[in-house]
Structure formats: C-alpha cells, structure tokens
Amino acid sequence: MAYMDWTAAGAVEVTGWFTVKGDAISNTVEVKMPVTVEDAWGYKKTVDVPVTIKKN
C-alpha cells in the first residue's frame, strides 16, 4: 500500500496510477521498483524504491 501524510504542509491530492506486471515467484522476493514522479512543470525524478513481494 502507498500512504500519504495529508497533515503535511503543502500536501496536495493528485490523480496518479501504478502499473504492476507480475511474474511467477517461488516465495518472497526483494526488488527495487523504479518510481518516477513528474511535477506540474514537467520535471521528472526517478528513484528506486525497495519492495518486498510475498507469495500468498
């Protein structure tokens, strides 16, 4: 899940989305998911976010 601190100064709700593509995994996998954010002026910032995927 992704969370936002709505009490933070200057917090603004913006419509966005995640694209998730799945592959079969055996158990638990740790990956770096690239996340790109673009602001209103077109500037982009990409950061690799560590994510743990657990098989149900």
PDB file of N, CA and C in Angstrom:
ATOM      1  N   MET A   1       0.831  -1.179   0.000  1.00  0.00           N
ATOM      2  CA  MET A   1       0.000   0.000   0.000  1.00  0.00           C
ATOM      3  C   MET A   1       0.878   1.246   0.000  1.00  0.00           C
ATOM      4  N   ALA A   2       0.380   2.294  -0.569  1.00  0.00           N
ATOM      5  CA  ALA A   2       1.076   3.580  -0.557  1.00  0.00           C
ATOM      6  C   ALA A   2       0.300   4.534   0.339  1.00  0.00           C
ATOM      7  N   TYR A   3       0.998   5.278   1.166  1.00  0.00           N
ATOM      8  CA  TYR A   3       0.352   6.190   2.092  1.00  0.00           C
ATOM      9  C   TYR A   3       0.853   7.610   1.878  1.00  0.00           C
ATOM     10  N   MET A   4       0.006   8.581   2.201  1.00  0.00           N
ATOM     11  CA  MET A   4       0.353   9.999   2.103  1.00  0.00           C
ATOM     12  C   MET A   4       0.036  10.660   3.427  1.00  0.00           C
ATOM     13  N   ASP A   5       0.930  11.502   3.914  1.00  0.00           N
ATOM     14  CA  ASP A   5       0.692  12.260   5.142  1.00  0.00           C
ATOM     15  C   ASP A   5      -0.074  13.519   4.768  1.00  0.00           C
ATOM     16  N   TRP A   6      -1.422  13.459   4.874  1.00  0.00           N
ATOM     17  CA  TRP A   6      -2.260  14.589   4.470  1.00  0.00           C
ATOM     18  C   TRP A   6      -2.150  15.766   5.421  1.00  0.00           C
ATOM     19  N   THR A   7      -1.499  15.578   6.586  1.00  0.00           N
ATOM     20  CA  THR A   7      -1.346  16.680   7.534  1.00  0.00           C
ATOM     21  C   THR A   7      -0.086  17.495   7.235  1.00  0.00           C
ATOM     22  N   ALA A   8       0.752  17.018   6.311  1.00  0.00           N
ATOM     23  CA  ALA A   8       1.992  17.722   5.972  1.00  0.00           C
ATOM     24  C   ALA A   8       1.683  19.048   5.284  1.00  0.00           C
ATOM     25  N   ALA A   9       2.505  20.040   5.563  1.00  0.00           N
ATOM     26  CA  ALA A   9       2.332  21.357   4.934  1.00  0.00           C
ATOM     27  C   ALA A   9       2.450  21.233   3.420  1.00  0.00           C
ATOM     28  N   GLY A  10       1.513  21.808   2.702  1.00  0.00           N
ATOM     29  CA  GLY A  10       1.568  21.803   1.238  1.00  0.00           C
ATOM     30  C   GLY A  10       1.109  20.500   0.601  1.00  0.00           C
ATOM     31  N   ALA A  11       0.528  19.570   1.384  1.00  0.00           N
ATOM     32  CA  ALA A  11       0.071  18.296   0.819  1.00  0.00           C
ATOM     33  C   ALA A  11      -1.055  18.557  -0.181  1.00  0.00           C
ATOM     34  N   VAL A  12      -0.941  17.944  -1.360  1.00  0.00           N
ATOM     35  CA  VAL A  12      -1.937  18.137  -2.418  1.00  0.00           C
ATOM     36  C   VAL A  12      -2.303  16.771  -2.980  1.00  0.00           C
ATOM     37  N   GLU A  13      -3.592  16.517  -3.152  1.00  0.00           N
ATOM     38  CA  GLU A  13      -4.033  15.265  -3.757  1.00  0.00           C
ATOM     39  C   GLU A  13      -3.919  15.375  -5.270  1.00  0.00           C
ATOM     40  N   VAL A  14      -3.280  14.377  -5.886  1.00  0.00           N
ATOM     41  CA  VAL A  14      -3.091  14.368  -7.324  1.00  0.00           C
ATOM     42  C   VAL A  14      -3.473  12.985  -7.848  1.00  0.00           C
ATOM     43  N   THR A  15      -4.197  12.949  -8.943  1.00  0.00           N
ATOM     44  CA  THR A  15      -4.572  11.680  -9.551  1.00  0.00           C
ATOM     45  C   THR A  15      -3.340  11.037 -10.166  1.00  0.00           C
ATOM     46  N   GLY A  16      -3.141   9.760  -9.920  1.00  0.00           N
ATOM     47  CA  GLY A  16      -1.992   9.044 -10.471  1.00  0.00           C
ATOM     48  C   GLY A  16      -2.302   7.561 -10.564  1.00  0.00           C
ATOM     49  N   TRP A  17      -1.313   6.753 -10.921  1.00  0.00           N
ATOM     50  CA  TRP A  17      -1.528   5.328 -11.050  1.00  0.00           C
ATOM     51  C   TRP A  17      -0.215   4.585 -10.922  1.00  0.00           C
ATOM     52  N   PHE A  18      -0.336   3.294 -10.677  1.00  0.00           N
ATOM     53  CA  PHE A  18       0.786   2.368 -10.659  1.00  0.00           C
ATOM     54  C   PHE A  18       0.535   1.347 -11.754  1.00  0.00           C
ATOM     55  N   THR A  19       1.574   0.984 -12.482  1.00  0.00           N
ATOM     56  CA  THR A  19       1.480  -0.112 -13.424  1.00  0.00           C
ATOM     57  C   THR A  19       2.271  -1.266 -12.833  1.00  0.00           C
ATOM     58  N   VAL A  20       1.603  -2.390 -12.605  1.00  0.00           N
ATOM     59  CA  VAL A  20       2.243  -3.544 -11.987  1.00  0.00           C
ATOM     60  C   VAL A  20       2.152  -4.712 -12.942  1.00  0.00           C
ATOM     61  N   LYS A  21       3.290  -5.342 -13.209  1.00  0.00           N
ATOM     62  CA  LYS A  21       3.335  -6.522 -14.065  1.00  0.00           C
ATOM     63  C   LYS A  21       3.867  -7.672 -13.221  1.00  0.00           C
ATOM     64  N   GLY A  22       3.195  -8.816 -13.256  1.00  0.00           N
ATOM     65  CA  GLY A  22       3.567  -9.936 -12.397  1.00  0.00           C
ATOM     66  C   GLY A  22       4.322 -11.032 -13.111  1.00  0.00           C
ATOM     67  N   ASP A  23       5.201 -11.682 -12.367  1.00  0.00           N
ATOM     68  CA  ASP A  23       5.901 -12.889 -12.792  1.00  0.00           C
ATOM     69  C   ASP A  23       5.717 -13.921 -11.684  1.00  0.00           C
ATOM     70  N   ALA A  24       5.776 -15.192 -12.027  1.00  0.00           N
ATOM     71  CA  ALA A  24       5.662 -16.238 -11.023  1.00  0.00           C
ATOM     72  C   ALA A  24       6.875 -16.188 -10.091  1.00  0.00           C
ATOM     73  N   ILE A  25       6.622 -16.293  -8.773  1.00  0.00           N
ATOM     74  CA  ILE A  25       7.714 -16.320  -7.802  1.00  0.00           C
ATOM     75  C   ILE A  25       7.549 -17.556  -6.928  1.00  0.00           C
ATOM     76  N   SER A  26       8.659 -18.015  -6.346  1.00  0.00           N
ATOM     77  CA  SER A  26       8.598 -19.217  -5.516  1.00  0.00           C
ATOM     78  C   SER A  26       8.188 -18.881  -4.084  1.00  0.00           C
ATOM     79  N   ASN A  27       8.717 -17.821  -3.502  1.00  0.00           N
ATOM     80  CA  ASN A  27       8.384 -17.440  -2.133  1.00  0.00           C
ATOM     81  C   ASN A  27       8.398 -15.927  -1.997  1.00  0.00           C
ATOM     82  N   THR A  28       9.381 -15.410  -1.288  1.00  0.00           N
ATOM     83  CA  THR A  28       9.493 -13.972  -1.070  1.00  0.00           C
ATOM     84  C   THR A  28      10.621 -13.426  -1.935  1.00  0.00           C
ATOM     85  N   VAL A  29      10.366 -12.292  -2.587  1.00  0.00           N
ATOM     86  CA  VAL A  29      11.351 -11.676  -3.475  1.00  0.00           C
ATOM     87  C   VAL A  29      11.511 -10.209  -3.077  1.00  0.00           C
ATOM     88  N   GLU A  30      12.753  -9.749  -3.002  1.00  0.00           N
ATOM     89  CA  GLU A  30      13.013  -8.334  -2.752  1.00  0.00           C
ATOM     90  C   GLU A  30      13.533  -7.713  -4.039  1.00  0.00           C
ATOM     91  N   VAL A  31      12.910  -6.616  -4.458  1.00  0.00           N
ATOM     92  CA  VAL A  31      13.279  -5.945  -5.712  1.00  0.00           C
ATOM     93  C   VAL A  31      13.370  -4.445  -5.486  1.00  0.00           C
ATOM     94  N   LYS A  32      13.961  -3.756  -6.434  1.00  0.00           N
ATOM     95  CA  LYS A  32      13.980  -2.291  -6.455  1.00  0.00           C
ATOM     96  C   LYS A  32      13.006  -1.863  -7.540  1.00  0.00           C
ATOM     97  N   MET A  33      11.921  -1.186  -7.155  1.00  0.00           N
ATOM     98  CA  MET A  33      10.916  -0.746  -8.111  1.00  0.00           C
ATOM     99  C   MET A  33      11.182   0.709  -8.477  1.00  0.00           C
ATOM    100  N   PRO A  34      11.422   0.991  -9.755  1.00  0.00           N
ATOM    101  CA  PRO A  34      11.646   2.384 -10.149  1.00  0.00           C
ATOM    102  C   PRO A  34      10.338   3.176 -10.094  1.00  0.00           C
ATOM    103  N   VAL A  35      10.361   4.308  -9.402  1.00  0.00           N
ATOM    104  CA  VAL A  35       9.199   5.181  -9.292  1.00  0.00           C
ATOM    105  C   VAL A  35       9.573   6.535  -9.873  1.00  0.00           C
ATOM    106  N   THR A  36       8.793   7.021 -10.840  1.00  0.00           N
ATOM    107  CA  THR A  36       9.037   8.321 -11.460  1.00  0.00           C
ATOM    108  C   THR A  36       7.898   9.260 -11.100  1.00  0.00           C
ATOM    109  N   VAL A  37       8.260  10.434 -10.631  1.00  0.00           N
ATOM    110  CA  VAL A  37       7.280  11.462 -10.289  1.00  0.00           C
ATOM    111  C   VAL A  37       7.523  12.655 -11.198  1.00  0.00           C
ATOM    112  N   GLU A  38       6.452  13.175 -11.790  1.00  0.00           N
ATOM    113  CA  GLU A  38       6.544  14.359 -12.652  1.00  0.00           C
ATOM    114  C   GLU A  38       5.713  15.471 -12.043  1.00  0.00           C
ATOM    115  N   ASP A  39       6.302  16.665 -11.924  1.00  0.00           N
ATOM    116  CA  ASP A  39       5.553  17.778 -11.337  1.00  0.00           C
ATOM    117  C   ASP A  39       4.802  18.559 -12.422  1.00  0.00           C
ATOM    118  N   ALA A  40       4.110  19.593 -12.006  1.00  0.00           N
ATOM    119  CA  ALA A  40       3.265  20.380 -12.909  1.00  0.00           C
ATOM    120  C   ALA A  40       4.071  21.073 -14.010  1.00  0.00           C
ATOM    121  N   TRP A  41       5.372  21.266 -13.812  1.00  0.00           N
ATOM    122  CA  TRP A  41       6.211  21.954 -14.794  1.00  0.00           C
ATOM    123  C   TRP A  41       6.944  20.987 -15.717  1.00  0.00           C
ATOM    124  N   GLY A  42       6.691  19.673 -15.542  1.00  0.00           N
ATOM    125  CA  GLY A  42       7.299  18.686 -16.426  1.00  0.00           C
ATOM    126  C   GLY A  42       8.617  18.128 -15.943  1.00  0.00           C
ATOM    127  N   TYR A  43       9.086  18.546 -14.775  1.00  0.00           N
ATOM    128  CA  TYR A  43      10.323  17.983 -14.238  1.00  0.00           C
ATOM    129  C   TYR A  43      10.049  16.589 -13.696  1.00  0.00           C
ATOM    130  N   LYS A  44      10.978  15.645 -13.953  1.00  0.00           N
ATOM    131  CA  LYS A  44      10.792  14.262 -13.520  1.00  0.00           C
ATOM    132  C   LYS A  44      11.927  13.852 -12.585  1.00  0.00           C
ATOM    133  N   LYS A  45      11.587  13.058 -11.610  1.00  0.00           N
ATOM    134  CA  LYS A  45      12.564  12.496 -10.682  1.00  0.00           C
ATOM    135  C   LYS A  45      12.272  11.010 -10.571  1.00  0.00           C
ATOM    136  N   THR A  46      13.278  10.162 -10.787  1.00  0.00           N
ATOM    137  CA  THR A  46      13.124   8.716 -10.687  1.00  0.00           C
ATOM    138  C   THR A  46      13.986   8.201  -9.547  1.00  0.00           C
ATOM    139  N   VAL A  47      13.380   7.372  -8.688  1.00  0.00           N
ATOM    140  CA  VAL A  47      14.085   6.779  -7.545  1.00  0.00           C
ATOM    141  C   VAL A  47      13.735   5.307  -7.498  1.00  0.00           C
ATOM    142  N   ASP A  48      14.716   4.453  -7.176  1.00  0.00           N
ATOM    143  CA  ASP A  48      14.468   3.031  -6.978  1.00  0.00           C
ATOM    144  C   ASP A  48      14.023   2.819  -5.530  1.00  0.00           C
ATOM    145  N   VAL A  49      12.805   2.290  -5.352  1.00  0.00           N
ATOM    146  CA  VAL A  49      12.225   2.069  -4.037  1.00  0.00           C
ATOM    147  C   VAL A  49      12.291   0.567  -3.725  1.00  0.00           C
ATOM    148  N   PRO A  50      12.867   0.195  -2.577  1.00  0.00           N
ATOM    149  CA  PRO A  50      12.916  -1.224  -2.241  1.00  0.00           C
ATOM    150  C   PRO A  50      11.516  -1.752  -1.908  1.00  0.00           C
ATOM    151  N   VAL A  51      11.159  -2.903  -2.528  1.00  0.00           N
ATOM    152  CA  VAL A  51       9.840  -3.509  -2.340  1.00  0.00           C
ATOM    153  C   VAL A  51      10.023  -4.997  -2.047  1.00  0.00           C
ATOM    154  N   THR A  52       9.282  -5.507  -1.065  1.00  0.00           N
ATOM    155  CA  THR A  52       9.285  -6.947  -0.769  1.00  0.00           C
ATOM    156  C   THR A  52       7.958  -7.533  -1.233  1.00  0.00           C
ATOM    157  N   ILE A  53       8.029  -8.564  -2.078  1.00  0.00           N
ATOM    158  CA  ILE A  53       6.840  -9.223  -2.602  1.00  0.00           C
ATOM    159  C   ILE A  53       6.767 -10.598  -1.950  1.00  0.00           C
ATOM    160  N   LYS A  54       5.625 -10.881  -1.310  1.00  0.00           N
ATOM    161  CA  LYS A  54       5.442 -12.169  -0.634  1.00  0.00           C
ATOM    162  C   LYS A  54       4.351 -12.955  -1.331  1.00  0.00           C
ATOM    163  N   LYS A  55       4.628 -14.240  -1.558  1.00  0.00           N
ATOM    164  CA  LYS A  55       3.654 -15.126  -2.192  1.00  0.00           C
ATOM    165  C   LYS A  55       2.578 -15.477  -1.168  1.00  0.00           C
ATOM    166  N   ASN A  56       1.317 -15.429  -1.592  1.00  0.00           N
ATOM    167  CA  ASN A  56       0.206 -15.829  -0.709  1.00  0.00           C
ATOM    168  C   ASN A  56       0.009 -17.307  -0.729  1.00  0.00           C
TER     169      ASN A  56
END
